[in-house]
Amino acid sequence: MQFGDVPGLAKLKTKLATSVNKGKLPHALLLLGNEGSGKLALAYALTSYIYCTNRQNDDSCGECSSCRKIGSHTHPDVHYTIPLTNNSTSAKKPISTDFITQWREFNKDHTFFNTADWVSVIAKDENKQPNIYREETRSILSKLSLKPYEGEAKTLIIWMPEYLKTESNALLKIIEEPPQKTYFILVAEDSDELLTTITSRTQLVKVPTYTEEETEAYLKEKYNLESTKAEQLSYLAEGNFRKAISLVESVEDNYSALFREWMVACYTNNLAKAYEIGESLHKSGRTQTQLFLTNGLAILRQSLLQKMVDNYQIKAEKEQQDFIKKFSTTLNAACIEKSYEQINEVIYQIKRNSNGKMTLFHLSLNLRYNFVRK
């Protein structure tokens, strides 16, 4: 991974490269950005730049032994700490090296992902909560106590350090007083979930959310989308590249049609059908359920804008536009807003491991009540 492989973020990439070239790169960085930003890709590109034996002023060469090994996540001096699930009944908790093969394979095909995507690959039970266990911190201390094998430095990339919780206390001393030529790169989404004792020992680098223009350009290049579709999806993605990719795939999965079917079932009081849809979504897993509901939020947002803004041009697929027009005409603004809030809350609950089938059916009942009281 090179800086050139990371979409956008030109000023940030230049700043990091300059810090490396001047020997002023902080030993502990916190790359903080929303889901779907380029923070993890940026961490990989920065690591490649640090170790590259033939780097240019603004990027690594991508061809030397160090670049190739970091690109395949096999460099012996670059270590990874990632959230895991305990799939066994053994008292011994897993550490990141136990899943390094899966991590390497997963990163070959994914650039923008979240913990739910990762857990769906490694967990026997997708609903199991990931964690970074105490055993991991012991492993970190052991790895970083060794001398570098190939380069002059050791690097630890901690993806989603929010899952460290109180276990991060064990790392305070080594982050504050690291061995010589040791770098810590923390890649996080929610600073409120990090201990202040950790954030105070790192230099914060805020990774901005992508603009609609950057998202549109990315979708055109990656999926060869025509301009109108790329513009529509970039608007709905709200700068989240993971969401943008999911929206492209959801068009293929026809989640928009399924959402329309669900809304009609709720409106006509066909609760048996609504339950059937909820049950099928539950079986598909939390990630797909969240994608379905997020897609639905986009439809509701367009419906509200269609109702409230004169001569509004609907930004949605052509097959959705008739439904959005009818939906915005049939229901009042308060009903659409209430439904939007309830669906958004259910997305949060499902992220927090609620029972998907029951949560969706309860949501169907609430939506039916909204429609009755229009």
Foldseek 3Di string as FASTA:
>chain_A
DKPVVFFDPQVVLLVLLVCLVVVNHDQEEEAEEAAQFQRVVSVLNSQQSNFAPDCDSRMHPCPDPSNVCSLQVNFLQEAEFEWDFAADPDPDRDTPVVCVVVVSVVVVVDRGDDVLVVLVSHHPDSLTDTAGDLVHLVVVVVSQVDAHDPGRAHEYEYEACLRCQPSCVSVLVCLQPPDPRYHYYYYHHDCVSDDVSRVVSHHYDYGYQADLVSQLVVCCVPVVDDNLLSSLLSVLCRRRNVLSVLVVVVVVVVLLVVLLVLLVCLQVVVLVVQLVSQVVQLVVDLVSVLSSLSVVLLLLVQLLCLLPPPPDDRSDPPVSPVVSPVVSVLADNVLSVVLSVLSVVLNVVVVVSDRRSVSSSVSSNVNSVSSVVD
